């Protein structure tokens, strides 16, 4: 049975995405080592893909791009991970972002504003009259029809 402290710890885990660009001739395990060092659990890891860089980075014109999703209890892993990665020669660039928590999807809201440049209404295909030419009585009748 879990104690309250264990439950709180599991609730505190946050999911992050780490994107990185590595030298072609580099050791690929350096990213995994850094994540293990902070106690992160890797959830997903993409295969490395060779890319051509838009501009040379550290005299490299081609590199390998990869990313991984991980979760950790560390409060601010960005400082720890980026401080280690920026001193590794095989890592050309990296970025760490916090992924948004998944919330229940809500039904899309319908716009309250009438659509512009439409001459007919969607429901009854009758021409829309200008607001100035509609009388209060006509409006009342339409409202009654809609309520029924």
Protein backbone atom coordinates (compact mmCIF):
# COMPACT_ATOMS: atom_id res chain seq x y z
CA UNK A 1 0.00 0.00 0.00
CA UNK A 2 1.32 3.48 -0.90
CA UNK A 3 1.83 6.01 1.81
CA UNK A 4 0.81 9.63 1.42
CA UNK A 5 4.43 10.64 0.82
CA UNK A 6 4.79 8.15 -2.04
CA UNK A 7 1.57 9.37 -3.61
CA UNK A 8 2.73 12.98 -3.39
CA UNK A 9 6.04 12.09 -5.01
CA UNK A 10 4.36 10.36 -7.94
CA UNK A 11 2.10 13.38 -8.41
CA UNK A 12 5.09 15.75 -8.53
CA UNK A 13 6.66 14.08 -11.55
CA UNK A 14 6.73 16.39 -14.52
CA UNK A 15 7.19 15.35 -18.16
CA UNK A 16 9.81 17.14 -20.25
CA UNK A 17 11.09 16.92 -23.81
CA UNK A 18 14.79 17.22 -24.53
CA UNK A 19 15.77 17.98 -28.12
CA UNK A 20 19.41 17.81 -29.11
CA UNK A 21 21.83 18.00 -32.04
CA UNK A 22 24.93 15.81 -31.82
CA UNK A 23 28.13 15.56 -33.87
CA UNK A 24 28.09 12.72 -36.41
CA UNK A 25 31.13 11.02 -34.89
CA UNK A 26 29.99 11.35 -31.25
CA UNK A 27 29.08 8.87 -28.55
CA UNK A 28 25.28 8.66 -28.40
CA UNK A 29 25.11 7.51 -24.77
CA UNK A 30 26.01 10.90 -23.28
CA UNK A 31 22.38 12.09 -23.28
CA UNK A 32 21.20 8.95 -21.52
CA UNK A 33 23.96 9.30 -18.91
CA UNK A 34 22.95 12.87 -18.12
CA UNK A 35 19.29 11.89 -17.67
CA UNK A 36 20.21 8.93 -15.45
CA UNK A 37 22.40 11.22 -13.36
CA UNK A 38 19.40 13.35 -12.34
CA UNK A 39 17.18 10.31 -11.80
CA UNK A 40 14.94 10.82 -14.83
CA UNK A 41 12.82 8.04 -16.29
CA UNK A 42 12.89 8.04 -20.12
CA UNK A 43 9.36 7.58 -21.47
CA UNK A 44 10.07 7.77 -25.21
CA UNK A 45 13.20 8.12 -27.30
CA UNK A 46 13.32 8.92 -31.01
CA UNK A 47 15.90 7.43 -33.34
CA UNK A 48 18.67 9.78 -34.34
CA UNK A 49 18.26 11.34 -37.77
CA UNK A 50 21.10 12.78 -39.83
CA UNK A 51 20.37 16.34 -40.87
CA UNK A 52 22.09 19.11 -42.81
CA UNK A 53 22.50 22.18 -40.67
CA UNK A 54 21.31 25.55 -41.96
CA UNK A 55 24.62 27.05 -40.90
CA UNK A 56 27.81 25.49 -39.53
CA UNK A 57 27.86 24.90 -35.77
CA UNK A 58 31.33 24.32 -34.34
CA UNK A 59 32.58 23.70 -37.90
CA UNK A 60 29.99 20.95 -38.46
CA UNK A 61 27.68 21.10 -41.47
CA UNK A 62 25.89 17.81 -40.79
CA UNK A 63 24.74 16.43 -37.47
CA UNK A 64 22.34 14.01 -35.85
CA UNK A 65 19.08 15.23 -34.39
CA UNK A 66 17.18 13.40 -31.66
CA UNK A 67 14.75 13.96 -28.85
CA UNK A 68 13.37 12.13 -25.86
CA UNK A 69 10.52 12.51 -23.40
CA UNK A 70 11.27 11.88 -19.75
CA UNK A 71 9.77 12.45 -16.35
CA UNK A 72 11.55 13.51 -13.22
CA UNK A 73 10.88 14.67 -9.70
CA UNK A 74 13.70 17.23 -9.84
CA UNK A 75 12.22 20.68 -9.38
CA UNK A 76 14.31 22.45 -12.03
CA UNK A 77 16.05 19.92 -14.30
CA UNK A 78 16.76 22.57 -16.94
CA UNK A 79 19.66 24.01 -14.97
CA UNK A 80 21.21 20.63 -14.23
CA UNK A 81 20.83 19.16 -17.71
CA UNK A 82 21.81 22.22 -19.73
CA UNK A 83 24.82 22.97 -17.51
CA UNK A 84 26.16 19.47 -18.15
CA UNK A 85 25.30 19.35 -21.87
CA UNK A 86 26.83 22.70 -22.78
CA UNK A 87 30.26 21.44 -21.73
CA UNK A 88 30.05 18.20 -23.72
CA UNK A 89 31.83 18.51 -27.07
CA UNK A 90 29.53 16.02 -28.83
CA UNK A 91 26.40 18.10 -28.08
CA UNK A 92 26.11 20.98 -30.55
CA UNK A 93 22.74 22.31 -29.38
CA UNK A 94 20.02 21.27 -26.95
CA UNK A 95 16.67 22.52 -25.77
CA UNK A 96 14.57 21.40 -22.84
CA UNK A 97 10.85 22.16 -22.61
CA UNK A 98 8.20 21.23 -20.12
CA UNK A 99 5.33 19.42 -21.80
CA UNK A 100 1.83 20.64 -20.96
CA UNK A 101 -0.21 18.42 -18.68
CA UNK A 102 -2.94 16.59 -20.53
CA UNK A 103 -6.35 17.85 -19.59
CA UNK A 104 -9.72 16.47 -20.51
CA UNK A 105 -10.62 17.62 -23.97
CA UNK A 106 -13.58 19.93 -24.05
CA UNK A 107 -16.01 20.19 -26.93
CA UNK A 108 -15.08 23.07 -29.21
CA UNK A 109 -17.07 26.19 -28.52
CA UNK A 110 -19.22 27.64 -31.23
CA UNK A 111 -18.57 31.24 -32.06
CA UNK A 112 -21.19 33.69 -30.84
CA UNK A 113 -20.30 36.10 -33.60
CA UNK A 114 -22.14 35.82 -36.90
CA UNK A 115 -19.93 34.92 -39.83
CA UNK A 116 -19.16 37.76 -42.19
CA UNK A 117 -19.79 37.71 -45.92
CA UNK A 118 -22.62 35.19 -45.64
CA UNK A 119 -25.92 36.17 -47.17
CA UNK A 120 -27.91 33.17 -45.97
CA UNK A 121 -28.20 31.57 -42.57
CA UNK A 122 -26.92 28.02 -42.20
CA UNK A 123 -30.09 26.54 -40.71
CA UNK A 124 -32.97 27.61 -42.92
CA UNK A 125 -31.20 29.02 -45.99
CA UNK A 126 -33.35 32.14 -45.89
CA UNK A 127 -31.73 35.49 -46.67
CA UNK A 128 -30.56 37.29 -43.57
CA UNK A 129 -32.34 40.59 -43.13
CA UNK A 130 -30.48 43.61 -41.91
CA UNK A 131 -31.05 44.40 -38.24
CA UNK A 132 -32.65 47.75 -39.05
CA UNK A 133 -35.44 46.20 -41.15
CA UNK A 134 -36.50 43.58 -38.56
CA UNK A 135 -39.30 44.63 -36.26
CA UNK A 136 -39.56 43.65 -32.62
CA UNK A 137 -42.60 41.50 -33.37
CA UNK A 138 -40.67 39.51 -35.98
CA UNK A 139 -37.86 39.02 -33.53
CA UNK A 140 -40.27 37.82 -30.85
CA UNK A 141 -41.80 35.30 -33.29
CA UNK A 142 -38.37 33.96 -34.26
CA UNK A 143 -37.37 33.62 -30.61
CA UNK A 144 -40.54 31.69 -29.84
CA UNK A 145 -39.82 29.33 -32.75
CA UNK A 146 -36.32 28.73 -31.48
CA UNK A 147 -37.42 28.08 -27.91
CA UNK A 148 -39.96 25.44 -28.98
